[in-house]
N, C-alpha and C. Protein backbone atom coordinates (compact mmCIF):
# COMPACT_ATOMS: atom_id res chain seq x y z
N TYR A 1 6.84 -0.37 -0.49
CA TYR A 1 6.23 -1.92 -1.01
C TYR A 1 6.27 -2.45 0.50
N GLN A 2 7.56 -3.39 0.75
CA GLN A 2 7.78 -4.14 2.03
C GLN A 2 6.97 -3.55 2.97
N TYR A 3 6.40 -2.90 3.41
CA TYR A 3 6.06 -2.76 4.37
C TYR A 3 4.31 -2.98 4.56
N LEU A 4 3.59 -2.94 3.27
CA LEU A 4 2.85 -3.29 2.34
C LEU A 4 2.01 -4.27 2.14
N ARG A 5 3.32 -5.38 2.03
CA ARG A 5 3.73 -6.58 1.44
C ARG A 5 3.57 -7.13 3.21
N ARG A 6 3.99 -6.90 3.57
CA ARG A 6 3.90 -7.14 5.34
C ARG A 6 2.83 -7.25 5.72
N TYR A 7 2.35 -5.78 5.56
CA TYR A 7 1.09 -5.70 6.26
C TYR A 7 -1.12 -5.62 5.71
N LYS A 8 -0.17 -7.22 4.82
CA LYS A 8 -1.19 -6.89 3.91
C LYS A 8 -0.98 -8.85 4.17
N GLN A 9 0.24 -9.91 4.58
CA GLN A 9 0.19 -10.96 5.62
C GLN A 9 0.04 -11.16 6.14
N MET A 10 -0.15 -9.98 6.25
CA MET A 10 -0.74 -9.65 8.32
C MET A 10 0.56 -9.96 9.28
N GLU A 11 1.28 -9.89 9.06
CA GLU A 11 2.98 -10.32 9.82
C GLU A 11 3.06 -8.86 11.33
N ASN A 12 3.57 -9.44 11.36
CA ASN A 12 4.12 -8.74 12.69
C ASN A 12 4.13 -7.15 11.73
N LEU A 13 4.62 -5.87 12.12
CA LEU A 13 5.85 -5.21 11.46
C LEU A 13 6.80 -4.75 13.21
N ASP A 14 5.80 -4.51 14.01
CA ASP A 14 6.48 -3.50 15.04
C ASP A 14 8.32 -3.88 14.92
N ARG A 15 9.01 -4.92 14.77
CA ARG A 15 10.08 -4.90 14.26
C ARG A 15 11.53 -5.09 13.04
N PHE A 16 9.96 -4.65 12.56
CA PHE A 16 10.41 -4.86 10.70
C PHE A 16 11.76 -3.35 10.26
N THR A 17 12.52 -3.48 9.58
CA THR A 17 13.11 -1.93 8.84
C THR A 17 13.29 -2.19 8.02
N PHE A 18 12.73 -1.51 7.01
CA PHE A 18 13.19 -0.99 5.92
C PHE A 18 14.35 -1.16 5.43
N VAL A 19 15.16 -1.87 4.57
CA VAL A 19 16.68 -2.63 3.91
C VAL A 19 15.90 -1.98 1.63
N SER A 20 16.92 -1.04 1.03
CA SER A 20 16.38 -0.80 0.41
C SER A 20 17.29 -1.78 -0.36
N SER A 21 18.36 -2.04 -0.15
CA SER A 21 18.52 -3.45 -0.41
C SER A 21 18.09 -4.89 -0.86
N ARG A 22 17.01 -4.63 -0.36
CA ARG A 22 16.26 -6.08 -0.23
C ARG A 22 15.65 -5.89 -1.07
N ILE A 23 15.97 -6.32 -2.15
CA ILE A 23 14.25 -6.60 -3.37
C ILE A 23 13.83 -8.27 -3.03
N GLU A 24 12.49 -7.19 -2.48
CA GLU A 24 11.02 -8.24 -2.62
C GLU A 24 9.98 -8.66 -4.05
N GLY A 25 9.60 -9.58 -4.45
CA GLY A 25 8.67 -10.62 -5.38
C GLY A 25 8.89 -9.04 -7.02
N THR A 26 8.26 -9.21 -7.75
CA THR A 26 8.68 -8.15 -9.16
C THR A 26 7.92 -7.45 -9.57
N GLU A 27 7.80 -6.34 -10.04
CA GLU A 27 7.48 -5.11 -10.64
C GLU A 27 5.53 -5.04 -10.78
N LYS A 28 5.79 -5.68 -11.56
CA LYS A 28 4.14 -6.66 -11.80
C LYS A 28 3.23 -6.49 -9.76
N GLU A 29 3.86 -7.03 -8.55
CA GLU A 29 3.54 -7.61 -7.90
C GLU A 29 3.26 -6.05 -6.62
N CYS A 30 4.60 -6.13 -6.41
CA CYS A 30 4.91 -4.23 -6.03
C CYS A 30 3.60 -3.31 -6.72
N LEU A 31 3.58 -2.98 -7.89
CA LEU A 31 2.85 -1.91 -8.66
C LEU A 31 1.09 -2.50 -7.97
N GLU A 32 1.13 -3.90 -7.88
CA GLU A 32 -0.12 -4.47 -7.85
C GLU A 32 -0.34 -4.08 -6.13
N CYS A 33 0.48 -4.01 -5.49
CA CYS A 33 0.16 -3.97 -4.08
C CYS A 33 0.47 -2.45 -3.51
N LEU A 34 0.36 -1.42 -4.04
CA LEU A 34 0.42 -0.48 -4.02
C LEU A 34 -0.73 0.44 -5.06
N MET A 35 -1.07 -0.05 -5.65
CA MET A 35 -2.41 -0.06 -6.23
C MET A 35 -3.35 -0.42 -5.46
N GLY A 36 -3.50 -1.96 -4.84
CA GLY A 36 -4.54 -2.31 -3.80
C GLY A 36 -4.65 -1.27 -2.24
N PHE A 37 -3.90 -0.12 -1.97
CA PHE A 37 -3.44 0.24 -0.98
C PHE A 37 -3.49 2.07 -1.07
N CYS A 38 -3.21 2.61 -3.01
CA CYS A 38 -3.08 4.22 -2.78
C CYS A 38 -4.99 4.92 -2.24
N GLY A 39 -5.68 3.63 -2.52
CA GLY A 39 -7.74 4.33 -1.71
C GLY A 39 -7.78 4.92 -3.19
N ARG A 40 -7.67 4.59 -4.25
CA ARG A 40 -8.64 4.89 -5.89
C ARG A 40 -8.06 3.43 -6.14
N SER A 41 -9.56 3.30 -6.95
CA SER A 41 -10.02 2.56 -7.36
C SER A 41 -9.16 2.36 -9.73
N ASP A 42 -9.00 3.34 -9.54
CA ASP A 42 -7.59 3.04 -11.13
C ASP A 42 -6.80 4.29 -10.84
N PRO A 43 -6.97 4.37 -10.59
CA PRO A 43 -5.01 5.73 -9.97
C PRO A 43 -4.24 5.76 -10.99
N SER A 44 -3.66 7.04 -11.31
CA SER A 44 -3.22 7.56 -12.33
C SER A 44 -1.34 7.14 -12.28
N TRP A 45 -0.74 7.81 -12.89
CA TRP A 45 1.13 7.41 -12.22
C TRP A 45 1.22 8.45 -11.39
N THR A 46 0.19 9.92 -10.78
CA THR A 46 0.92 10.82 -10.27
C THR A 46 0.60 10.84 -8.68
N GLU A 47 -0.48 9.96 -9.27
CA GLU A 47 -1.57 9.51 -7.35
C GLU A 47 -0.91 8.60 -7.39
N LEU A 48 -0.10 7.52 -7.53
CA LEU A 48 0.57 6.19 -7.50
C LEU A 48 1.91 7.12 -6.75
N CYS A 49 2.87 8.16 -7.22
CA CYS A 49 3.76 8.78 -7.29
C CYS A 49 3.67 9.52 -5.57
N ASN A 50 2.50 10.19 -5.79
CA ASN A 50 1.67 10.77 -4.85
C ASN A 50 1.67 9.69 -2.96
N PHE A 51 0.50 9.21 -3.38
CA PHE A 51 0.66 8.15 -2.80
C PHE A 51 2.12 7.45 -1.89
N THR A 52 2.91 7.08 -2.70
CA THR A 52 4.70 6.16 -2.91
C THR A 52 5.32 7.62 -2.16
N HIS A 53 5.01 8.74 -2.23
CA HIS A 53 6.75 9.84 -1.96
C HIS A 53 5.54 10.92 -0.15
N PHE A 54 4.53 10.27 -0.09
CA PHE A 54 3.80 10.78 1.10
C PHE A 54 4.26 9.01 2.55
N LEU A 55 3.53 8.14 2.35
CA LEU A 55 3.94 7.16 2.55
C LEU A 55 5.50 6.74 3.10
N ASN A 56 6.42 6.33 2.14
CA ASN A 56 8.45 7.05 2.16
C ASN A 56 8.51 8.09 3.57
N PHE A 57 7.26 9.15 3.16
CA PHE A 57 7.89 9.98 4.47
C PHE A 57 7.91 9.90 5.63
N GLN A 58 6.04 9.37 6.21
CA GLN A 58 5.89 8.64 7.03
C GLN A 58 6.52 7.58 7.51
N LEU A 59 6.80 6.35 6.89
CA LEU A 59 7.45 5.69 7.45
C LEU A 59 8.69 5.96 8.33
N LYS A 60 9.58 7.09 7.47
CA LYS A 60 10.75 7.09 7.34
C LYS A 60 10.39 7.84 9.21
N LYS A 61 10.47 9.19 9.33
CA LYS A 61 8.98 9.69 10.77
C LYS A 61 9.53 8.48 11.17
N CYS A 62 7.96 7.46 10.54
CA CYS A 62 8.05 6.77 12.10
C CYS A 62 8.78 5.60 12.69
N GLU A 63 9.72 4.97 11.44
CA GLU A 63 11.08 4.73 11.87
C GLU A 63 12.53 5.37 13.35
N LYS A 64 12.20 6.53 13.15
CA LYS A 64 12.96 7.88 13.78
C LYS A 64 12.24 7.59 15.05
N SER A 65 10.64 7.52 15.02
CA SER A 65 10.87 8.05 16.73
C SER A 65 10.74 6.41 17.99
N VAL A 66 11.19 7.14 18.58
CA VAL A 66 11.02 7.35 20.03
C VAL A 66 10.51 5.72 20.67
N PHE A 67 9.22 6.15 19.73
CA PHE A 67 7.66 5.54 20.21
C PHE A 67 8.11 3.54 19.61
N CYS A 68 8.64 4.16 18.14
CA CYS A 68 8.80 2.98 17.67
C CYS A 68 10.02 2.10 18.26
N SER A 69 10.65 2.22 18.92
CA SER A 69 11.71 2.15 19.22
C SER A 69 11.92 1.24 19.86
N PRO A 70 12.89 -0.14 19.92
CA PRO A 70 12.95 -1.47 20.20
C PRO A 70 13.02 -1.34 21.77
N VAL A 71 13.47 0.18 22.81
CA VAL A 71 13.58 0.35 23.72
C VAL A 71 11.55 0.71 24.28
N VAL A 72 11.98 1.78 23.52
CA VAL A 72 10.79 1.61 24.38
C VAL A 72 9.39 1.42 23.35
N GLY A 73 9.73 1.36 22.68
CA GLY A 73 8.02 0.33 21.74
C GLY A 73 7.79 -0.96 21.75
N ASN A 74 8.96 -1.62 22.97
CA ASN A 74 7.80 -2.11 23.56
C ASN A 74 6.71 -2.10 24.68
N GLU A 75 6.75 -0.78 24.94
CA GLU A 75 5.69 -0.85 25.97
C GLU A 75 4.41 -0.48 25.00
N PHE A 76 4.68 0.14 23.99
CA PHE A 76 3.86 0.22 22.78
C PHE A 76 3.83 -0.63 21.50
N CYS A 77 3.16 -2.26 21.72
CA CYS A 77 3.09 -2.96 20.82
C CYS A 77 1.97 -2.63 20.08
N GLY A 78 2.51 -3.14 18.62
CA GLY A 78 1.20 -1.95 17.54
C GLY A 78 1.30 -0.20 17.75
N PHE A 79 2.02 -0.31 18.07
CA PHE A 79 2.07 1.59 17.60
C PHE A 79 1.99 2.39 16.24
């Protein structure tokens, strides 16, 4: 949700890193944001769950990627 919220607000995500202890927004705002990005007009709970698990997996990989690190990432802005 932290990434999607910032993406929706057109913020720069190159320097953002997820912090699990940070609480942002309300449950309603989170659900509305997830529903807006999941790609389904009326998603089921299972579809939202699968979407969030897949997105979380991909974002963890991205954060660990050398191409997205502050050192190498400067050469690949927006990557």
